[in-house]
Amino acid sequence: MNIPTLIVPGIGNSDQDHWQTLWESANSEFVRVQQRDWENPVCHEWVNVLEQVVAKIGASRVLVAHSLGCLCVAHWA
């Protein structure tokens, strides 16, 4: 059984050479959390988007966060 993995980037998202993007490219089961505005984060908006994605994925999942994405996960938890 594969546990879904959510990629949670920080400000600016992650460009094509960033380790999160490389990991996501190497595994088709990884899902990137897509925020509305990567350059002007609003805490409750980012947390709500994360909550929506987690709700779709289900209870078993791994979150791989970087930078401001780590704070988003901390607020969500």
Foldseek 3Di string as FASTA:
>chain_A
DDFAEEEQEAAPRADCPDPSNVVCVVDVRYHYQDAPHRHDDDLVRLLVSVVVVDVVRDDGYHYDYDDVSVVSVVVND
